[in-house]
N, C-alpha and C. Protein backbone atom coordinates (compact mmCIF):
# COMPACT_ATOMS: atom_id res chain seq x y z
N MET A 1 48.00 81.86 117.77
CA MET A 1 48.86 81.74 116.70
C MET A 1 50.28 82.21 117.42
N ASN A 2 50.26 83.23 118.35
CA ASN A 2 51.41 83.66 118.94
C ASN A 2 52.13 82.63 119.67
N ALA A 3 51.40 81.87 120.32
CA ALA A 3 52.09 80.56 121.25
C ALA A 3 52.62 79.64 120.28
N LYS A 4 52.20 79.43 119.10
CA LYS A 4 52.57 78.53 118.22
C LYS A 4 53.94 79.09 117.62
N ARG A 5 54.05 80.27 117.66
CA ARG A 5 55.17 80.91 116.99
C ARG A 5 56.28 81.01 118.05
N GLN A 6 56.00 81.31 119.33
CA GLN A 6 56.73 81.05 120.42
C GLN A 6 57.31 79.77 120.56
N LEU A 7 56.57 78.72 120.43
CA LEU A 7 56.90 77.36 120.41
C LEU A 7 57.96 76.87 119.38
N LEU A 8 57.59 77.49 118.04
CA LEU A 8 58.57 77.11 116.97
C LEU A 8 59.95 77.70 117.26
N GLU A 9 59.91 79.02 117.89
CA GLU A 9 61.24 79.66 118.32
C GLU A 9 62.01 78.83 119.13
N PHE A 10 61.30 78.56 120.37
CA PHE A 10 61.92 77.58 121.22
C PHE A 10 62.54 76.41 120.71
N THR A 11 61.83 75.96 119.83
CA THR A 11 62.18 74.61 119.21
C THR A 11 63.48 74.65 118.52
N VAL A 12 63.39 75.69 117.86
CA VAL A 12 64.65 76.03 116.99
C VAL A 12 65.94 76.22 117.95
N GLU A 13 65.60 77.15 118.80
CA GLU A 13 66.81 77.31 119.73
C GLU A 13 67.18 76.25 120.37
N GLN A 14 66.23 75.20 120.91
CA GLN A 14 66.68 73.92 121.29
C GLN A 14 67.61 73.09 120.45
N THR A 15 67.19 73.14 119.21
CA THR A 15 67.69 72.36 118.27
C THR A 15 69.20 72.84 117.81
N VAL A 16 69.28 74.28 117.94
CA VAL A 16 70.81 74.72 117.62
C VAL A 16 71.43 74.39 118.92
N LEU A 17 70.98 74.57 120.09
CA LEU A 17 71.64 74.28 121.14
C LEU A 17 72.31 72.82 121.09
N ILE A 18 71.41 71.79 120.82
CA ILE A 18 71.68 70.51 121.02
C ILE A 18 72.80 70.29 119.63
N CYS A 19 72.54 70.89 118.49
CA CYS A 19 73.62 70.77 117.48
C CYS A 19 75.07 71.07 118.04
N SER A 20 75.07 72.37 118.67
CA SER A 20 76.26 72.83 119.03
C SER A 20 77.06 72.12 120.03
N CYS A 21 76.12 71.44 120.83
CA CYS A 21 76.71 70.61 121.97
C CYS A 21 77.27 69.43 121.56
N ALA A 22 76.57 68.85 120.54
CA ALA A 22 76.88 67.65 119.88
C ALA A 22 78.09 67.73 119.16
N ASN A 23 78.43 69.02 118.28
CA ASN A 23 79.44 69.43 117.64
C ASN A 23 80.60 69.47 118.78
N TYR A 24 80.38 70.27 119.80
CA TYR A 24 81.36 70.31 120.79
C TYR A 24 82.16 68.88 121.28
N LEU A 25 81.03 68.02 121.48
CA LEU A 25 81.49 66.69 122.12
C LEU A 25 82.23 65.86 121.00
N GLU A 26 81.85 66.16 119.67
CA GLU A 26 82.40 65.28 118.69
C GLU A 26 83.73 65.96 118.54
N MET A 27 84.20 67.21 118.75
CA MET A 27 85.46 67.80 118.56
C MET A 27 86.27 67.32 119.60
N SER A 28 85.74 67.51 120.92
CA SER A 28 86.64 67.13 122.02
C SER A 28 86.94 65.62 122.11
N ASN A 29 85.96 64.79 121.58
CA ASN A 29 86.33 63.45 121.53
C ASN A 29 87.36 63.14 120.53
N GLN A 30 87.36 63.88 119.39
CA GLN A 30 88.38 63.60 118.27
C GLN A 30 89.74 64.22 118.94
N TYR A 31 89.62 65.19 119.68
CA TYR A 31 90.85 65.85 120.46
C TYR A 31 91.55 64.55 121.25
N LEU A 32 90.64 64.15 122.26
CA LEU A 32 91.16 63.22 123.01
C LEU A 32 91.78 61.78 122.43
N GLU A 33 91.22 61.49 121.38
CA GLU A 33 91.58 60.44 120.38
C GLU A 33 92.86 60.67 120.01
N SER A 34 93.11 61.78 119.53
CA SER A 34 94.36 62.11 118.60
C SER A 34 95.53 62.37 119.94
N MET A 35 95.03 62.79 121.17
CA MET A 35 95.97 62.81 122.34
C MET A 35 96.49 61.49 122.61
N LYS A 36 95.53 60.46 122.66
CA LYS A 36 95.82 59.21 122.98
C LYS A 36 96.61 58.42 122.08
N ALA A 37 96.47 58.69 120.92
CA ALA A 37 97.15 58.07 119.76
C ALA A 37 98.64 58.81 119.71
N GLY A 38 98.75 59.97 119.93
CA GLY A 38 100.01 60.52 120.14
C GLY A 38 100.64 59.93 121.17
N ARG A 39 100.18 59.56 122.36
CA ARG A 39 100.76 59.40 123.59
C ARG A 39 101.36 57.92 123.17
N TYR A 40 100.65 57.08 122.93
CA TYR A 40 100.95 55.66 122.78
C TYR A 40 101.78 55.29 121.70
N ARG A 41 102.12 56.32 120.64
CA ARG A 41 102.90 55.97 119.51
C ARG A 41 104.30 55.67 119.88
């Protein structure tokens, strides 16, 4: 039972990590797009 709980906590941590990374990439991607748009206008 304890191993199951540890696995669950690990999975949750990984999910949060992946989500925050994806969020960061999305934000930096939008930032780069707006920089490009501003430069070529």
